[in-house]
Amino acid sequence: MTTLLQPGRISPTRKVPAGITRPEYVGKKTPRLGESDVKTPEIIERMRVAGKLAAQALEEVGRHVAPGVTTDELDRIGHEFLCDHGAYPSTLGYRGYPKSLCTSINEVICHGIPDDTVLRDGDIVNVDITAFIGGVHGDTDATFLVGDVDEESRLLVERTREATARAIKAVAPGRQLNVVGRVIEAYAKRFGYGVIRDFTGHGIGTTFHSGLIVPHYDDPSVAVTLVPGMTFTIEPMLTLGTIEYDVWPDGWTAVTKDRRRTAQFEHTILVTETGHEILTLP
């Protein structure tokens, strides 16, 4: 269908204005883990701000997705948008990651590093961006169509969005966390899609990844009960073929073993008294 991706050249690290607060992990090998799964009302209020800003940044980057644009240019747009609004791009310096967002094209499942790769007509590209502001993170992503995309890829993207929406709809207090994966896998199976297992959703708040793990496949052993105040991401990755993958020498870029396409969507979710709230809406 299309030629396989090759790693491109990565530009120098972008600067963040000195006045913007850095997350604690910047400059360290490993981040601090662990915080309560249930957030205080005050933290939730700050997460609404971070989530909304991340969603606006994603929208802004998405507006520039087009044939002929490099993924590095998308990174510049996302980086400048967040910095201009007083936020730190959470991925920059997280475990040494060199850029301000992830751009995962076609067969890249996740964690693609923006570089001088040029988007081509017919590609699909996932943009994953996280804002750190007010001491908390808001994390979101979406898969965009580049120009004129074939029907199989278009449907994969549409159905991955739908799988995410269905999983979010199932979130309510008193239910078990495994309802998320059960809903996603049941829907994906209808179309013969693979559901990636090794990359999951995660708890989020004052830490980027709190330690809570949110599988996107049906895992009955995930017996955590959802309670009001919990915050986590739902971010399924669906594939046209295998769920097996390789990681590029950069240590980040994960590609499907059969090099078939994959799509992803993500929101940061709050469990409320009556159901849920999506924190990453623009």
C-alpha atoms as a PDB file:
ATOM      1  CA  MET A   1       0.000   0.000   0.000  1.00  0.00           C
ATOM      2  CA  THR A   2       2.699   2.481   1.064  1.00  0.00           C
ATOM      3  CA  THR A   3       6.416   2.316   1.674  1.00  0.00           C
ATOM      4  CA  LEU A   4       7.493   1.516   5.227  1.00  0.00           C
ATOM      5  CA  LEU A   5       8.627   4.267   7.548  1.00  0.00           C
ATOM      6  CA  GLN A   6      12.277   4.914   8.276  1.00  0.00           C
ATOM      7  CA  PRO A   7      13.637   7.002  11.164  1.00  0.00           C
ATOM      8  CA  GLY A   8      14.302  10.616  10.163  1.00  0.00           C
ATOM      9  CA  ARG A   9      16.589  13.316  11.539  1.00  0.00           C
ATOM     10  CA  ILE A  10      15.610  14.731  14.936  1.00  0.00           C
ATOM     11  CA  SER A  11      16.046  18.484  15.416  1.00  0.00           C
ATOM     12  CA  PRO A  12      17.666  20.013  18.534  1.00  0.00           C
ATOM     13  CA  THR A  13      15.648  20.078  21.760  1.00  0.00           C
ATOM     14  CA  ARG A  14      13.155  22.937  21.888  1.00  0.00           C
ATOM     15  CA  LYS A  15      13.512  25.456  24.707  1.00  0.00           C
ATOM     16  CA  VAL A  16      10.834  26.056  27.326  1.00  0.00           C
ATOM     17  CA  PRO A  17      10.654  29.582  28.803  1.00  0.00           C
ATOM     18  CA  ALA A  18      12.284  29.794  32.252  1.00  0.00           C
ATOM     19  CA  GLY A  19       9.077  31.003  33.902  1.00  0.00           C
ATOM     20  CA  ILE A  20       7.194  27.776  33.123  1.00  0.00           C
ATOM     21  CA  THR A  21       7.202  25.196  35.933  1.00  0.00           C
ATOM     22  CA  ARG A  22       8.854  21.890  35.008  1.00  0.00           C
ATOM     23  CA  PRO A  23       7.547  18.489  36.126  1.00  0.00           C
ATOM     24  CA  GLU A  24       9.791  16.851  38.737  1.00  0.00           C
ATOM     25  CA  TYR A  25      11.168  14.238  36.306  1.00  0.00           C
ATOM     26  CA  VAL A  26      12.846  16.668  33.898  1.00  0.00           C
ATOM     27  CA  GLY A  27      16.582  15.988  33.969  1.00  0.00           C
ATOM     28  CA  LYS A  28      16.115  12.678  35.845  1.00  0.00           C
ATOM     29  CA  LYS A  29      16.356   9.094  34.560  1.00  0.00           C
ATOM     30  CA  THR A  30      13.105   7.960  36.145  1.00  0.00           C
ATOM     31  CA  PRO A  31      10.000   9.836  37.270  1.00  0.00           C
ATOM     32  CA  ARG A  32       8.374   9.717  40.687  1.00  0.00           C
ATOM     33  CA  LEU A  33       5.541   7.176  40.704  1.00  0.00           C
ATOM     34  CA  GLY A  34       2.536   6.783  42.900  1.00  0.00           C
ATOM     35  CA  GLU A  35      -0.241   9.048  44.086  1.00  0.00           C
ATOM     36  CA  SER A  36      -3.762   8.335  45.278  1.00  0.00           C
ATOM     37  CA  ASP A  37      -6.050   7.071  42.510  1.00  0.00           C
ATOM     38  CA  VAL A  38      -8.749   9.321  44.001  1.00  0.00           C
ATOM     39  CA  LYS A  39      -8.039  13.029  43.595  1.00  0.00           C
ATOM     40  CA  THR A  40      -9.077  15.926  45.825  1.00  0.00           C
ATOM     41  CA  PRO A  41     -11.623  18.402  44.404  1.00  0.00           C
ATOM     42  CA  GLU A  42      -8.819  20.975  44.201  1.00  0.00           C
ATOM     43  CA  ILE A  43      -6.574  18.692  42.095  1.00  0.00           C
ATOM     44  CA  ILE A  44      -9.552  17.791  39.867  1.00  0.00           C
ATOM     45  CA  GLU A  45     -10.198  21.488  39.247  1.00  0.00           C
ATOM     46  CA  ARG A  46      -6.575  21.961  38.154  1.00  0.00           C
ATOM     47  CA  MET A  47      -6.799  18.843  35.965  1.00  0.00           C
ATOM     48  CA  ARG A  48      -9.787  20.372  34.157  1.00  0.00           C
ATOM     49  CA  VAL A  49      -7.551  23.304  33.213  1.00  0.00           C
ATOM     50  CA  ALA A  50      -4.653  21.063  32.075  1.00  0.00           C
ATOM     51  CA  GLY A  51      -6.992  18.741  30.174  1.00  0.00           C
ATOM     52  CA  LYS A  52      -8.767  21.522  28.329  1.00  0.00           C
ATOM     53  CA  LEU A  53      -5.447  23.086  27.336  1.00  0.00           C
ATOM     54  CA  ALA A  54      -4.090  19.749  26.065  1.00  0.00           C
ATOM     55  CA  ALA A  55      -7.278  19.322  23.999  1.00  0.00           C
ATOM     56  CA  GLN A  56      -6.889  22.812  22.525  1.00  0.00           C
ATOM     57  CA  ALA A  57      -3.238  22.090  21.694  1.00  0.00           C
ATOM     58  CA  LEU A  58      -4.246  18.844  19.970  1.00  0.00           C
ATOM     59  CA  GLU A  59      -6.868  20.713  17.952  1.00  0.00           C
ATOM     60  CA  GLU A  60      -4.289  23.322  16.923  1.00  0.00           C
ATOM     61  CA  VAL A  61      -1.763  20.681  15.818  1.00  0.00           C
ATOM     62  CA  GLY A  62      -4.513  18.761  13.999  1.00  0.00           C
ATOM     63  CA  ARG A  63      -5.346  21.831  11.937  1.00  0.00           C
ATOM     64  CA  HIS A  64      -1.841  21.657  10.430  1.00  0.00           C
ATOM     65  CA  VAL A  65      -1.865  17.948   9.521  1.00  0.00           C
ATOM     66  CA  ALA A  66      -1.541  17.848   5.720  1.00  0.00           C
ATOM     67  CA  PRO A  67       0.566  16.266   2.988  1.00  0.00           C
ATOM     68  CA  GLY A  68       4.013  17.892   2.809  1.00  0.00           C
ATOM     69  CA  VAL A  69       4.191  18.848   6.501  1.00  0.00           C
ATOM     70  CA  THR A  70       6.950  17.287   8.643  1.00  0.00           C
ATOM     71  CA  THR A  71       6.217  15.722  12.008  1.00  0.00           C
ATOM     72  CA  ASP A  72       8.871  18.066  13.442  1.00  0.00           C
ATOM     73  CA  GLU A  73       6.732  21.014  12.318  1.00  0.00           C
ATOM     74  CA  LEU A  74       3.753  19.499  14.177  1.00  0.00           C
ATOM     75  CA  ASP A  75       5.976  19.230  17.251  1.00  0.00           C
ATOM     76  CA  ARG A  76       6.940  22.908  16.931  1.00  0.00           C
ATOM     77  CA  ILE A  77       3.272  23.939  16.725  1.00  0.00           C
ATOM     78  CA  GLY A  78       2.289  21.880  19.781  1.00  0.00           C
ATOM     79  CA  HIS A  79       5.338  23.017  21.765  1.00  0.00           C
ATOM     80  CA  GLU A  80       4.731  26.709  21.078  1.00  0.00           C
ATOM     81  CA  PHE A  81       1.000  26.461  21.775  1.00  0.00           C
ATOM     82  CA  LEU A  82       1.572  24.927  25.213  1.00  0.00           C
ATOM     83  CA  CYS A  83       4.411  27.299  26.136  1.00  0.00           C
ATOM     84  CA  ASP A  84       2.390  30.321  24.962  1.00  0.00           C
ATOM     85  CA  HIS A  85      -0.346  29.248  27.404  1.00  0.00           C
ATOM     86  CA  GLY A  86       2.051  28.772  30.325  1.00  0.00           C
ATOM     87  CA  ALA A  87       2.137  24.965  30.172  1.00  0.00           C
ATOM     88  CA  TYR A  88       5.066  22.544  29.957  1.00  0.00           C
ATOM     89  CA  PRO A  89       4.853  19.800  27.269  1.00  0.00           C
ATOM     90  CA  SER A  90       4.868  16.728  29.555  1.00  0.00           C
ATOM     91  CA  THR A  91       6.646  14.357  27.154  1.00  0.00           C
ATOM     92  CA  LEU A  92       9.704  16.633  26.816  1.00  0.00           C
ATOM     93  CA  GLY A  93      12.390  15.041  28.973  1.00  0.00           C
ATOM     94  CA  TYR A  94      10.109  12.273  30.301  1.00  0.00           C
ATOM     95  CA  ARG A  95      12.493   9.308  30.696  1.00  0.00           C
ATOM     96  CA  GLY A  96      14.712  11.136  28.204  1.00  0.00           C
ATOM     97  CA  TYR A  97      12.084  11.529  25.464  1.00  0.00           C
ATOM     98  CA  PRO A  98      13.386  14.335  23.211  1.00  0.00           C
ATOM     99  CA  LYS A  99      10.215  16.010  21.899  1.00  0.00           C
ATOM    100  CA  SER A 100       7.063  17.826  23.016  1.00  0.00           C
ATOM    101  CA  LEU A 101       4.543  15.366  21.555  1.00  0.00           C
ATOM    102  CA  CYS A 102       4.439  11.960  19.832  1.00  0.00           C
ATOM    103  CA  THR A 103       3.646  11.521  16.129  1.00  0.00           C
ATOM    104  CA  SER A 104       2.856   7.921  15.181  1.00  0.00           C
ATOM    105  CA  ILE A 105       2.388   7.376  11.436  1.00  0.00           C
ATOM    106  CA  ASN A 106       0.697   4.369   9.786  1.00  0.00           C
ATOM    107  CA  GLU A 107       2.353   1.232  11.285  1.00  0.00           C
ATOM    108  CA  VAL A 108       3.659   3.089  14.354  1.00  0.00           C
ATOM    109  CA  ILE A 109       1.558   1.989  17.344  1.00  0.00           C
ATOM    110  CA  CYS A 110       2.741   4.743  19.685  1.00  0.00           C
ATOM    111  CA  HIS A 111       5.664   6.923  20.852  1.00  0.00           C
ATOM    112  CA  GLY A 112       6.817   7.961  17.369  1.00  0.00           C
ATOM    113  CA  ILE A 113       9.399  10.759  17.693  1.00  0.00           C
ATOM    114  CA  PRO A 114       8.783  13.868  15.542  1.00  0.00           C
ATOM    115  CA  ASP A 115      11.576  14.355  12.982  1.00  0.00           C
ATOM    116  CA  ASP A 116      12.059  15.470   9.376  1.00  0.00           C
ATOM    117  CA  THR A 117       9.679  12.771   8.055  1.00  0.00           C
ATOM    118  CA  VAL A 118       7.221  14.357   5.615  1.00  0.00           C
ATOM    119  CA  LEU A 119       3.539  13.380   5.845  1.00  0.00           C
ATOM    120  CA  ARG A 120       2.256  11.954   2.553  1.00  0.00           C
ATOM    121  CA  ASP A 121      -1.176  11.882   0.989  1.00  0.00           C
ATOM    122  CA  GLY A 122      -2.912   8.739   2.284  1.00  0.00           C
ATOM    123  CA  ASP A 123      -1.041   8.505   5.606  1.00  0.00           C
ATOM    124  CA  ILE A 124      -2.716   8.388   8.991  1.00  0.00           C
ATOM    125  CA  VAL A 125      -0.927  10.002  11.949  1.00  0.00           C
ATOM    126  CA  ASN A 126      -1.612   9.892  15.666  1.00  0.00           C
ATOM    127  CA  VAL A 127      -0.686  12.987  17.657  1.00  0.00           C
ATOM    128  CA  ASP A 128      -0.302  12.441  21.422  1.00  0.00           C
ATOM    129  CA  ILE A 129       0.124  15.587  23.532  1.00  0.00           C
ATOM    130  CA  THR A 130       0.112  16.259  27.272  1.00  0.00           C
ATOM    131  CA  ALA A 131       0.003  19.586  29.129  1.00  0.00           C
ATOM    132  CA  PHE A 132       1.572  20.112  32.571  1.00  0.00           C
ATOM    133  CA  ILE A 133       0.195  23.204  34.277  1.00  0.00           C
ATOM    134  CA  GLY A 134      -0.838  23.945  37.843  1.00  0.00           C
ATOM    135  CA  GLY A 135       1.182  20.930  38.994  1.00  0.00           C
ATOM    136  CA  VAL A 136      -0.981  18.380  37.090  1.00  0.00           C
ATOM    137  CA  HIS A 137      -1.073  16.676  33.693  1.00  0.00           C
ATOM    138  CA  GLY A 138      -3.803  16.480  31.033  1.00  0.00           C
ATOM    139  CA  ASP A 139      -3.183  13.792  28.384  1.00  0.00           C
ATOM    140  CA  THR A 140      -4.968  13.298  25.049  1.00  0.00           C
ATOM    141  CA  ASP A 141      -4.411  12.064  21.513  1.00  0.00           C
ATOM    142  CA  ALA A 142      -6.186  11.544  18.203  1.00  0.00           C
ATOM    143  CA  THR A 143      -5.467   9.951  14.839  1.00  0.00           C
ATOM    144  CA  PHE A 144      -5.735  12.271  11.832  1.00  0.00           C
ATOM    145  CA  LEU A 145      -6.210  11.470   8.140  1.00  0.00           C
ATOM    146  CA  VAL A 146      -3.585  12.986   5.831  1.00  0.00           C
ATOM    147  CA  GLY A 147      -5.189  13.985   2.536  1.00  0.00           C
ATOM    148  CA  ASP A 148      -7.027  11.236   0.658  1.00  0.00           C
ATOM    149  CA  VAL A 149      -6.955   8.069   2.816  1.00  0.00           C
ATOM    150  CA  ASP A 150      -8.040   4.575   1.681  1.00  0.00           C
ATOM    151  CA  GLU A 151     -11.302   3.143   3.009  1.00  0.00           C
ATOM    152  CA  GLU A 152      -9.700   0.420   5.159  1.00  0.00           C
ATOM    153  CA  SER A 153      -7.569   2.985   7.031  1.00  0.00           C
ATOM    154  CA  ARG A 154     -10.438   5.469   7.312  1.00  0.00           C
ATOM    155  CA  LEU A 155     -12.679   2.831   8.888  1.00  0.00           C
ATOM    156  CA  LEU A 156      -9.914   1.754  11.282  1.00  0.00           C
ATOM    157  CA  VAL A 157      -9.589   5.356  12.501  1.00  0.00           C
ATOM    158  CA  GLU A 158     -13.367   5.861  12.764  1.00  0.00           C
ATOM    159  CA  ARG A 159     -13.870   2.603  14.665  1.00  0.00           C
ATOM    160  CA  THR A 160     -10.962   3.265  17.027  1.00  0.00           C
ATOM    161  CA  ARG A 161     -12.600   6.583  17.902  1.00  0.00           C
ATOM    162  CA  GLU A 162     -15.883   4.738  18.452  1.00  0.00           C
ATOM    163  CA  ALA A 163     -14.222   2.059  20.636  1.00  0.00           C
ATOM    164  CA  THR A 164     -12.772   4.833  22.805  1.00  0.00           C
ATOM    165  CA  ALA A 165     -16.168   6.558  23.092  1.00  0.00           C
ATOM    166  CA  ARG A 166     -17.896   3.292  24.053  1.00  0.00           C
ATOM    167  CA  ALA A 167     -15.299   2.530  26.729  1.00  0.00           C
ATOM    168  CA  ILE A 168     -15.662   6.021  28.196  1.00  0.00           C
ATOM    169  CA  LYS A 169     -19.450   5.632  28.247  1.00  0.00           C
ATOM    170  CA  ALA A 170     -19.060   2.469  30.357  1.00  0.00           C
ATOM    171  CA  VAL A 171     -17.169   4.312  33.124  1.00  0.00           C
ATOM    172  CA  ALA A 172     -19.300   4.707  36.271  1.00  0.00           C
ATOM    173  CA  PRO A 173     -18.783   4.372  40.029  1.00  0.00           C
ATOM    174  CA  GLY A 174     -19.238   0.837  41.371  1.00  0.00           C
ATOM    175  CA  ARG A 175     -18.133  -0.813  38.141  1.00  0.00           C
ATOM    176  CA  GLN A 176     -14.800  -2.578  37.821  1.00  0.00           C
ATOM    177  CA  LEU A 177     -11.983  -1.002  35.807  1.00  0.00           C
ATOM    178  CA  ASN A 178     -11.936  -4.064  33.517  1.00  0.00           C
ATOM    179  CA  VAL A 179     -15.206  -2.872  31.937  1.00  0.00           C
ATOM    180  CA  VAL A 180     -13.032  -0.522  29.820  1.00  0.00           C
ATOM    181  CA  GLY A 181     -11.091  -3.333  28.158  1.00  0.00           C
ATOM    182  CA  ARG A 182     -14.121  -5.591  27.823  1.00  0.00           C
ATOM    183  CA  VAL A 183     -16.057  -2.956  25.872  1.00  0.00           C
ATOM    184  CA  ILE A 184     -13.104  -2.120  23.595  1.00  0.00           C
ATOM    185  CA  GLU A 185     -12.203  -5.720  22.799  1.00  0.00           C
ATOM    186  CA  ALA A 186     -15.816  -6.760  22.152  1.00  0.00           C
ATOM    187  CA  TYR A 187     -16.223  -3.901  19.671  1.00  0.00           C
ATOM    188  CA  ALA A 188     -12.827  -4.406  17.957  1.00  0.00           C
ATOM    189  CA  LYS A 189     -13.478  -8.136  17.496  1.00  0.00           C
ATOM    190  CA  ARG A 190     -16.494  -7.382  15.295  1.00  0.00           C
ATOM    191  CA  PHE A 191     -14.117  -6.073  12.635  1.00  0.00           C
ATOM    192  CA  GLY A 192     -11.253  -8.503  13.226  1.00  0.00           C
ATOM    193  CA  TYR A 193      -8.992  -5.773  14.640  1.00  0.00           C
ATOM    194  CA  GLY A 194      -6.155  -6.496  17.013  1.00  0.00           C
ATOM    195  CA  VAL A 195      -6.128  -4.748  20.409  1.00  0.00           C
ATOM    196  CA  ILE A 196      -2.638  -3.843  21.615  1.00  0.00           C
ATOM    197  CA  ARG A 197      -1.992  -5.271  25.096  1.00  0.00           C
ATOM    198  CA  ASP A 198       1.435  -4.036  26.141  1.00  0.00           C
ATOM    199  CA  PHE A 199       0.634  -0.311  25.945  1.00  0.00           C
ATOM    200  CA  THR A 200      -2.210   0.676  28.250  1.00  0.00           C
ATOM    201  CA  GLY A 201      -4.100   3.568  29.735  1.00  0.00           C
ATOM    202  CA  HIS A 202      -2.792   4.876  33.062  1.00  0.00           C
ATOM    203  CA  GLY A 203      -3.596   6.792  36.199  1.00  0.00           C
ATOM    204  CA  ILE A 204      -2.727  10.473  35.931  1.00  0.00           C
ATOM    205  CA  GLY A 205      -2.757  13.619  38.064  1.00  0.00           C
ATOM    206  CA  THR A 206       0.220  15.230  39.762  1.00  0.00           C
ATOM    207  CA  THR A 207       2.228  12.394  38.163  1.00  0.00           C
ATOM    208  CA  PHE A 208       2.219  11.685  34.404  1.00  0.00           C
ATOM    209  CA  HIS A 209       1.781   7.925  35.029  1.00  0.00           C
ATOM    210  CA  SER A 210       0.612   7.224  38.581  1.00  0.00           C
ATOM    211  CA  GLY A 211       1.031   3.441  38.583  1.00  0.00           C
ATOM    212  CA  LEU A 212      -2.628   2.572  37.926  1.00  0.00           C
ATOM    213  CA  ILE A 213      -2.868   0.500  34.723  1.00  0.00           C
ATOM    214  CA  VAL A 214      -5.905   0.528  32.414  1.00  0.00           C
ATOM    215  CA  PRO A 215      -5.873  -2.453  29.987  1.00  0.00           C
ATOM    216  CA  HIS A 216      -7.755  -2.078  26.695  1.00  0.00           C
ATOM    217  CA  TYR A 217      -8.482  -5.806  26.398  1.00  0.00           C
ATOM    218  CA  ASP A 218     -10.764  -7.989  28.517  1.00  0.00           C
ATOM    219  CA  ASP A 219      -8.768  -8.812  31.656  1.00  0.00           C
ATOM    220  CA  PRO A 220     -11.020 -10.181  34.450  1.00  0.00           C
ATOM    221  CA  SER A 221      -8.109  -9.977  36.910  1.00  0.00           C
ATOM    222  CA  VAL A 222      -8.316  -6.158  36.897  1.00  0.00           C
ATOM    223  CA  ALA A 223     -10.619  -5.997  39.916  1.00  0.00           C
ATOM    224  CA  VAL A 224     -10.175  -2.320  40.849  1.00  0.00           C
ATOM    225  CA  THR A 225     -13.580  -0.778  41.623  1.00  0.00           C
ATOM    226  CA  LEU A 226     -14.237   2.646  40.110  1.00  0.00           C
ATOM    227  CA  VAL A 227     -14.999   5.333  42.682  1.00  0.00           C
ATOM    228  CA  PRO A 228     -15.754   9.059  42.316  1.00  0.00           C
ATOM    229  CA  GLY A 229     -12.609  11.172  42.060  1.00  0.00           C
ATOM    230  CA  MET A 230     -10.507   8.599  40.183  1.00  0.00           C
ATOM    231  CA  THR A 231      -8.665   9.936  37.124  1.00  0.00           C
ATOM    232  CA  PHE A 232      -7.052   7.890  34.353  1.00  0.00           C
ATOM    233  CA  THR A 233      -6.591   7.745  30.598  1.00  0.00           C
ATOM    234  CA  ILE A 234      -8.400   5.508  28.123  1.00  0.00           C
ATOM    235  CA  GLU A 235      -6.323   5.207  24.939  1.00  0.00           C
ATOM    236  CA  PRO A 236      -6.914   2.040  22.887  1.00  0.00           C
ATOM    237  CA  MET A 237      -4.602   1.151  19.999  1.00  0.00           C
ATOM    238  CA  LEU A 238      -6.316  -1.008  17.370  1.00  0.00           C
ATOM    239  CA  THR A 239      -4.519  -2.749  14.499  1.00  0.00           C
ATOM    240  CA  LEU A 240      -5.520  -4.132  11.099  1.00  0.00           C
ATOM    241  CA  GLY A 241      -3.348  -7.198  11.754  1.00  0.00           C
ATOM    242  CA  THR A 242      -1.085  -8.522  14.482  1.00  0.00           C
ATOM    243  CA  ILE A 243      -0.653  -7.036  17.953  1.00  0.00           C
ATOM    244  CA  GLU A 244       3.010  -8.131  17.965  1.00  0.00           C
ATOM    245  CA  TYR A 245       5.472  -5.278  17.573  1.00  0.00           C
ATOM    246  CA  ASP A 246       9.088  -4.218  17.219  1.00  0.00           C
ATOM    247  CA  VAL A 247      10.719  -1.186  18.842  1.00  0.00           C
ATOM    248  CA  TRP A 248      13.117   0.940  16.795  1.00  0.00           C
ATOM    249  CA  PRO A 249      16.690   1.485  18.033  1.00  0.00           C
ATOM    250  CA  ASP A 250      15.566   4.887  19.410  1.00  0.00           C
ATOM    251  CA  GLY A 251      13.979   2.905  22.260  1.00  0.00           C
ATOM    252  CA  TRP A 252      10.589   4.576  21.768  1.00  0.00           C
ATOM    253  CA  THR A 253       8.999   3.992  18.354  1.00  0.00           C
ATOM    254  CA  ALA A 254       6.826   0.832  18.458  1.00  0.00           C
ATOM    255  CA  VAL A 255       5.758  -0.553  15.044  1.00  0.00           C
ATOM    256  CA  THR A 256       3.467  -3.479  14.244  1.00  0.00           C
ATOM    257  CA  LYS A 257       5.450  -6.614  13.346  1.00  0.00           C
ATOM    258  CA  ASP A 258       3.485  -7.080  10.119  1.00  0.00           C
ATOM    259  CA  ARG A 259       3.816  -3.316   9.397  1.00  0.00           C
ATOM    260  CA  ARG A 260       0.052  -3.020   8.963  1.00  0.00           C
ATOM    261  CA  ARG A 261      -1.673   0.129  10.131  1.00  0.00           C
ATOM    262  CA  THR A 262      -2.812   1.016  13.616  1.00  0.00           C
ATOM    263  CA  ALA A 263      -4.871   3.869  15.116  1.00  0.00           C
ATOM    264  CA  GLN A 264      -5.377   5.346  18.583  1.00  0.00           C
ATOM    265  CA  PHE A 265      -7.504   7.888  20.469  1.00  0.00           C
ATOM    266  CA  GLU A 266      -7.109   9.054  24.068  1.00  0.00           C
ATOM    267  CA  HIS A 267      -8.898  11.058  26.732  1.00  0.00           C
ATOM    268  CA  THR A 268      -8.239  11.763  30.400  1.00  0.00           C
ATOM    269  CA  ILE A 269     -11.316  10.649  32.366  1.00  0.00           C
ATOM    270  CA  LEU A 270     -12.707  11.529  35.795  1.00  0.00           C
ATOM    271  CA  VAL A 271     -15.093   9.159  37.588  1.00  0.00           C
ATOM    272  CA  THR A 272     -17.993  11.241  38.990  1.00  0.00           C
ATOM    273  CA  GLU A 273     -20.828  10.477  41.434  1.00  0.00           C
ATOM    274  CA  THR A 274     -23.160   9.695  38.529  1.00  0.00           C
ATOM    275  CA  GLY A 275     -20.816   8.456  35.785  1.00  0.00           C
ATOM    276  CA  HIS A 276     -17.819  10.175  34.245  1.00  0.00           C
ATOM    277  CA  GLU A 277     -16.447  13.432  32.900  1.00  0.00           C
ATOM    278  CA  ILE A 278     -14.028  13.799  29.969  1.00  0.00           C
ATOM    279  CA  LEU A 279     -11.349  16.240  31.126  1.00  0.00           C
ATOM    280  CA  THR A 280      -9.704  16.592  27.708  1.00  0.00           C
ATOM    281  CA  LEU A 281     -12.333  18.422  25.669  1.00  0.00           C
ATOM    282  CA  PRO A 282     -11.392  21.753  24.023  1.00  0.00           C
END
